[in-house]
Amino acid sequence: SCSNGTCEAVALHGPGQRLTRCGSGADHVSAGGDWLDEDEVLTGLSLPPAEAESLDGAAVVTSGGKTVILRALPEALIPKHMVHQAAPQTGSRRKHRLERVGDEHVVLFNDGLLRVLDSGSGEVVGDWSLPQHSHWQNLCVDDGQLLALGHSSGDNPVSSLYQFSLAGLLERRK
């Protein structure tokens, strides 16, 4: 991310056990620990807003289906609270995309399903399916807008980009 002319990057590695934050300096922190089950790793990461000075409040999703908000300590990120625990899937390595939307919501994205969670209570606010004609690959959030990228199968694949207003989705849910 870039703000005020300063850019930084955060890498999840180790595999899925460490974060490195690079910008004006480099910070290396442990993100795993005994709160993860055996062979469970972090598979998705969503950072606090770019203007935040620490990784406090980062959200992660694990291969075991946990969605957790983290608290930053000097050398480690530890669970602040679990937002969501999905039912385990035998033999599955979950590949969720995770995005924070402000302080109130976390969006999980997997295989064309958007699941919006309340980041405080962990309650499912809503589930939405994207059109099935595309293989959905990525999701990003910008200023309350959800952007989903996918492509169709076949000899001549066509890319699709869908834009949704989170507020609009939530309003229609009521």
C-alpha atoms as a PDB file:
ATOM      1  CA  SER A   1       0.000   0.000   0.000  1.00  0.00           C
ATOM      2  CA  CYS A   2       1.086   3.601  -0.489  1.00  0.00           C
ATOM      3  CA  SER A   3       0.099   6.696   1.473  1.00  0.00           C
ATOM      4  CA  ASN A   4       1.738  10.087   1.884  1.00  0.00           C
ATOM      5  CA  GLY A   5       4.426   9.114  -0.630  1.00  0.00           C
ATOM      6  CA  THR A   6       5.526   6.114   1.464  1.00  0.00           C
ATOM      7  CA  CYS A   7       4.997   2.608   0.120  1.00  0.00           C
ATOM      8  CA  GLU A   8       5.126  -0.675   1.960  1.00  0.00           C
ATOM      9  CA  ALA A   9       4.496  -4.329   1.300  1.00  0.00           C
ATOM     10  CA  VAL A  10       3.570  -7.204   3.575  1.00  0.00           C
ATOM     11  CA  ALA A  11       4.461 -10.805   2.737  1.00  0.00           C
ATOM     12  CA  LEU A  12       2.987 -13.932   4.309  1.00  0.00           C
ATOM     13  CA  HIS A  13       5.588 -16.705   4.272  1.00  0.00           C
ATOM     14  CA  GLY A  14       7.256 -19.341   6.329  1.00  0.00           C
ATOM     15  CA  PRO A  15       4.882 -21.204   5.071  1.00  0.00           C
ATOM     16  CA  GLY A  16       1.891 -19.352   6.471  1.00  0.00           C
ATOM     17  CA  GLN A  17       3.570 -18.727   9.824  1.00  0.00           C
ATOM     18  CA  ARG A  18       5.434 -15.397   9.470  1.00  0.00           C
ATOM     19  CA  LEU A  19       4.762 -11.897   8.193  1.00  0.00           C
ATOM     20  CA  THR A  20       7.366  -9.483   6.893  1.00  0.00           C
ATOM     21  CA  ARG A  21       6.443  -5.828   6.534  1.00  0.00           C
ATOM     22  CA  CYS A  22       8.785  -3.765   4.343  1.00  0.00           C
ATOM     23  CA  GLY A  23       8.776  -0.018   3.782  1.00  0.00           C
ATOM     24  CA  SER A  24      10.966   2.469   5.567  1.00  0.00           C
ATOM     25  CA  GLY A  25      12.362  -0.525   7.491  1.00  0.00           C
ATOM     26  CA  ALA A  26      11.586  -4.213   7.796  1.00  0.00           C
ATOM     27  CA  ASP A  27       9.577  -5.900  10.529  1.00  0.00           C
ATOM     28  CA  HIS A  28       9.453  -9.682  10.848  1.00  0.00           C
ATOM     29  CA  VAL A  29       6.768 -11.096  13.117  1.00  0.00           C
ATOM     30  CA  SER A  30       5.503 -14.556  13.919  1.00  0.00           C
ATOM     31  CA  ALA A  31       1.843 -15.022  13.063  1.00  0.00           C
ATOM     32  CA  GLY A  32       1.516 -18.706  13.880  1.00  0.00           C
ATOM     33  CA  GLY A  33       1.504 -20.339  17.251  1.00  0.00           C
ATOM     34  CA  ASP A  34      -0.288 -22.806  19.458  1.00  0.00           C
ATOM     35  CA  TRP A  35      -3.651 -21.292  18.522  1.00  0.00           C
ATOM     36  CA  LEU A  36      -3.325 -23.056  15.143  1.00  0.00           C
ATOM     37  CA  ASP A  37      -4.193 -26.740  14.895  1.00  0.00           C
ATOM     38  CA  GLU A  38      -1.571 -29.236  13.729  1.00  0.00           C
ATOM     39  CA  ASP A  39      -0.666 -28.615  10.036  1.00  0.00           C
ATOM     40  CA  GLU A  40      -2.913 -25.513   9.973  1.00  0.00           C
ATOM     41  CA  VAL A  41      -1.388 -22.436   8.312  1.00  0.00           C
ATOM     42  CA  LEU A  42      -2.465 -18.907   7.451  1.00  0.00           C
ATOM     43  CA  THR A  43      -3.805 -18.791   3.907  1.00  0.00           C
ATOM     44  CA  GLY A  44      -5.217 -15.271   3.686  1.00  0.00           C
ATOM     45  CA  LEU A  45      -4.411 -11.883   5.141  1.00  0.00           C
ATOM     46  CA  SER A  46      -6.147  -8.521   5.219  1.00  0.00           C
ATOM     47  CA  LEU A  47      -4.331  -5.553   6.701  1.00  0.00           C
ATOM     48  CA  PRO A  48      -5.592  -2.597   8.691  1.00  0.00           C
ATOM     49  CA  PRO A  49      -5.927   0.686   6.742  1.00  0.00           C
ATOM     50  CA  ALA A  50      -2.691   1.979   5.173  1.00  0.00           C
ATOM     51  CA  GLU A  51      -2.453   4.827   7.674  1.00  0.00           C
ATOM     52  CA  ALA A  52      -2.310   2.397  10.623  1.00  0.00           C
ATOM     53  CA  GLU A  53       1.114   2.330  12.208  1.00  0.00           C
ATOM     54  CA  SER A  54       1.038  -1.332  13.209  1.00  0.00           C
ATOM     55  CA  LEU A  55      -0.433  -4.635  12.110  1.00  0.00           C
ATOM     56  CA  ASP A  56      -2.853  -4.522  15.067  1.00  0.00           C
ATOM     57  CA  GLY A  57      -6.295  -5.459  13.785  1.00  0.00           C
ATOM     58  CA  ALA A  58      -5.047  -7.480  10.821  1.00  0.00           C
ATOM     59  CA  ALA A  59      -7.473 -10.240   9.857  1.00  0.00           C
ATOM     60  CA  VAL A  60      -6.354 -13.718   8.794  1.00  0.00           C
ATOM     61  CA  VAL A  61      -8.020 -16.859   7.503  1.00  0.00           C
ATOM     62  CA  THR A  62      -6.483 -20.293   8.076  1.00  0.00           C
ATOM     63  CA  SER A  63      -6.416 -23.566   6.187  1.00  0.00           C
ATOM     64  CA  GLY A  64      -8.703 -24.894   8.948  1.00  0.00           C
ATOM     65  CA  GLY A  65     -11.408 -22.328   8.203  1.00  0.00           C
ATOM     66  CA  LYS A  66     -10.782 -19.915  11.101  1.00  0.00           C
ATOM     67  CA  THR A  67     -11.128 -16.180  10.530  1.00  0.00           C
ATOM     68  CA  VAL A  68      -9.284 -14.298  13.265  1.00  0.00           C
ATOM     69  CA  ILE A  69      -8.603 -10.655  14.129  1.00  0.00           C
ATOM     70  CA  LEU A  70      -5.031 -10.303  15.432  1.00  0.00           C
ATOM     71  CA  ARG A  71      -3.381  -8.147  18.096  1.00  0.00           C
ATOM     72  CA  ALA A  72       0.142  -6.891  17.373  1.00  0.00           C
ATOM     73  CA  LEU A  73       2.889  -7.483  19.929  1.00  0.00           C
ATOM     74  CA  PRO A  74       6.526  -6.476  19.273  1.00  0.00           C
ATOM     75  CA  GLU A  75       7.600  -9.882  17.902  1.00  0.00           C
ATOM     76  CA  ALA A  76       4.321 -11.665  17.194  1.00  0.00           C
ATOM     77  CA  LEU A  77       0.712 -11.370  16.112  1.00  0.00           C
ATOM     78  CA  ILE A  78      -1.643 -13.186  18.469  1.00  0.00           C
ATOM     79  CA  PRO A  79      -5.403 -13.771  18.262  1.00  0.00           C
ATOM     80  CA  LYS A  80      -7.506 -10.895  19.555  1.00  0.00           C
ATOM     81  CA  HIS A  81     -10.722 -12.753  18.810  1.00  0.00           C
ATOM     82  CA  MET A  82     -12.051 -15.338  16.400  1.00  0.00           C
ATOM     83  CA  VAL A  83     -14.617 -13.925  14.011  1.00  0.00           C
ATOM     84  CA  HIS A  84     -15.711 -17.128  12.315  1.00  0.00           C
ATOM     85  CA  GLN A  85     -15.052 -20.873  12.365  1.00  0.00           C
ATOM     86  CA  ALA A  86     -16.099 -22.716   9.205  1.00  0.00           C
ATOM     87  CA  ALA A  87     -16.871 -26.411   9.364  1.00  0.00           C
ATOM     88  CA  PRO A  88     -13.729 -28.456   8.639  1.00  0.00           C
ATOM     89  CA  GLN A  89     -13.461 -30.053   5.208  1.00  0.00           C
ATOM     90  CA  THR A  90     -11.498 -33.290   5.138  1.00  0.00           C
ATOM     91  CA  GLY A  91      -8.551 -33.239   2.742  1.00  0.00           C
ATOM     92  CA  SER A  92      -9.204 -29.639   1.720  1.00  0.00           C
ATOM     93  CA  ARG A  93      -6.667 -26.815   1.702  1.00  0.00           C
ATOM     94  CA  ARG A  94      -8.999 -23.835   1.849  1.00  0.00           C
ATOM     95  CA  LYS A  95      -8.077 -20.951  -0.436  1.00  0.00           C
ATOM     96  CA  HIS A  96     -10.213 -18.111   0.818  1.00  0.00           C
ATOM     97  CA  ARG A  97      -9.572 -14.518  -0.097  1.00  0.00           C
ATOM     98  CA  LEU A  98     -10.117 -12.253   2.879  1.00  0.00           C
ATOM     99  CA  GLU A  99     -10.816  -8.516   2.930  1.00  0.00           C
ATOM    100  CA  ARG A 100     -11.536  -6.062   5.730  1.00  0.00           C
ATOM    101  CA  VAL A 101     -14.219  -3.493   4.943  1.00  0.00           C
ATOM    102  CA  GLY A 102     -13.767  -0.704   7.457  1.00  0.00           C
ATOM    103  CA  ASP A 103     -13.887  -1.678  11.117  1.00  0.00           C
ATOM    104  CA  GLU A 104     -17.243  -3.431  10.912  1.00  0.00           C
ATOM    105  CA  HIS A 105     -17.047  -6.178   8.283  1.00  0.00           C
ATOM    106  CA  VAL A 106     -14.856  -8.973   7.007  1.00  0.00           C
ATOM    107  CA  VAL A 107     -15.547 -10.457   3.569  1.00  0.00           C
ATOM    108  CA  LEU A 108     -14.577 -14.069   2.786  1.00  0.00           C
ATOM    109  CA  PHE A 109     -14.443 -14.976  -0.896  1.00  0.00           C
ATOM    110  CA  ASN A 110     -14.163 -18.548  -2.155  1.00  0.00           C
ATOM    111  CA  ASP A 111     -15.264 -20.123  -5.439  1.00  0.00           C
ATOM    112  CA  GLY A 112     -17.709 -17.349  -6.294  1.00  0.00           C
ATOM    113  CA  LEU A 113     -19.314 -17.091  -2.851  1.00  0.00           C
ATOM    114  CA  LEU A 114     -19.129 -13.818  -0.919  1.00  0.00           C
ATOM    115  CA  ARG A 115     -19.711 -14.199   2.818  1.00  0.00           C
ATOM    116  CA  VAL A 116     -19.881 -10.978   4.816  1.00  0.00           C
ATOM    117  CA  LEU A 117     -19.226 -11.293   8.546  1.00  0.00           C
ATOM    118  CA  ASP A 118     -19.593  -8.794  11.373  1.00  0.00           C
ATOM    119  CA  SER A 119     -15.993  -8.395  12.565  1.00  0.00           C
ATOM    120  CA  GLY A 120     -17.074  -7.882  16.183  1.00  0.00           C
ATOM    121  CA  SER A 121     -19.610 -10.660  16.717  1.00  0.00           C
ATOM    122  CA  GLY A 122     -18.620 -13.047  13.940  1.00  0.00           C
ATOM    123  CA  GLU A 123     -22.250 -13.296  12.818  1.00  0.00           C
ATOM    124  CA  VAL A 124     -22.865 -13.967   9.139  1.00  0.00           C
ATOM    125  CA  VAL A 125     -24.406 -10.775   7.749  1.00  0.00           C
ATOM    126  CA  GLY A 126     -25.088 -12.317   4.364  1.00  0.00           C
ATOM    127  CA  ASP A 127     -24.033 -14.737   1.626  1.00  0.00           C
ATOM    128  CA  TRP A 128     -24.073 -13.872  -2.058  1.00  0.00           C
ATOM    129  CA  SER A 129     -23.198 -16.033  -5.068  1.00  0.00           C
ATOM    130  CA  LEU A 130     -21.552 -14.523  -8.111  1.00  0.00           C
ATOM    131  CA  PRO A 131     -22.731 -15.625 -11.590  1.00  0.00           C
ATOM    132  CA  GLN A 132     -21.645 -19.210 -12.282  1.00  0.00           C
ATOM    133  CA  HIS A 133     -20.506 -18.599 -15.865  1.00  0.00           C
ATOM    134  CA  SER A 134     -17.085 -17.485 -14.589  1.00  0.00           C
ATOM    135  CA  HIS A 135     -14.289 -19.029 -12.556  1.00  0.00           C
ATOM    136  CA  TRP A 136     -13.844 -16.382  -9.850  1.00  0.00           C
ATOM    137  CA  GLN A 137     -10.225 -15.789  -8.906  1.00  0.00           C
ATOM    138  CA  ASN A 138      -9.861 -12.643  -6.873  1.00  0.00           C
ATOM    139  CA  LEU A 139     -11.631 -10.022  -4.817  1.00  0.00           C
ATOM    140  CA  CYS A 140     -10.524  -6.606  -3.657  1.00  0.00           C
ATOM    141  CA  VAL A 141     -12.189  -3.827  -1.733  1.00  0.00           C
ATOM    142  CA  ASP A 142     -11.859  -0.120  -2.408  1.00  0.00           C
ATOM    143  CA  ASP A 143     -13.867   2.531  -0.586  1.00  0.00           C
ATOM    144  CA  GLY A 144     -16.747   0.166   0.227  1.00  0.00           C
ATOM    145  CA  GLN A 145     -16.848  -1.290  -3.295  1.00  0.00           C
ATOM    146  CA  LEU A 146     -16.228  -5.014  -3.807  1.00  0.00           C
ATOM    147  CA  LEU A 147     -14.519  -5.867  -7.105  1.00  0.00           C
ATOM    148  CA  ALA A 148     -14.526  -9.534  -8.192  1.00  0.00           C
ATOM    149  CA  LEU A 149     -12.368 -10.799 -11.075  1.00  0.00           C
ATOM    150  CA  GLY A 150     -13.007 -14.011 -12.966  1.00  0.00           C
ATOM    151  CA  HIS A 151     -12.808 -15.661 -16.362  1.00  0.00           C
ATOM    152  CA  SER A 152     -14.855 -18.148 -18.347  1.00  0.00           C
ATOM    153  CA  SER A 153     -13.577 -21.568 -19.382  1.00  0.00           C
ATOM    154  CA  GLY A 154     -13.040 -22.859 -22.879  1.00  0.00           C
ATOM    155  CA  ASP A 155     -10.922 -22.094 -25.921  1.00  0.00           C
ATOM    156  CA  ASN A 156     -11.638 -18.353 -25.843  1.00  0.00           C
ATOM    157  CA  PRO A 157     -11.819 -17.377 -22.159  1.00  0.00           C
ATOM    158  CA  VAL A 158     -13.448 -14.048 -21.409  1.00  0.00           C
ATOM    159  CA  SER A 159     -12.538 -12.039 -18.317  1.00  0.00           C
ATOM    160  CA  SER A 160     -15.282 -10.692 -16.071  1.00  0.00           C
ATOM    161  CA  LEU A 161     -15.064  -7.874 -13.554  1.00  0.00           C
ATOM    162  CA  TYR A 162     -18.035  -7.316 -11.259  1.00  0.00           C
ATOM    163  CA  GLN A 163     -18.396  -4.335  -8.955  1.00  0.00           C
ATOM    164  CA  PHE A 164     -20.721  -4.341  -5.953  1.00  0.00           C
ATOM    165  CA  SER A 165     -21.424  -1.785  -3.278  1.00  0.00           C
ATOM    166  CA  LEU A 166     -21.215  -3.485   0.113  1.00  0.00           C
ATOM    167  CA  ALA A 167     -23.741  -0.998   1.493  1.00  0.00           C
ATOM    168  CA  GLY A 168     -26.069  -1.842  -1.418  1.00  0.00           C
ATOM    169  CA  LEU A 169     -25.754  -5.581  -0.808  1.00  0.00           C
ATOM    170  CA  LEU A 170     -26.426  -5.156   2.897  1.00  0.00           C
ATOM    171  CA  GLU A 171     -29.408  -2.854   2.247  1.00  0.00           C
ATOM    172  CA  ARG A 172     -31.013  -5.420  -0.093  1.00  0.00           C
ATOM    173  CA  ARG A 173     -30.523  -8.083   2.590  1.00  0.00           C
ATOM    174  CA  LYS A 174     -32.758  -6.235   5.101  1.00  0.00           C
END
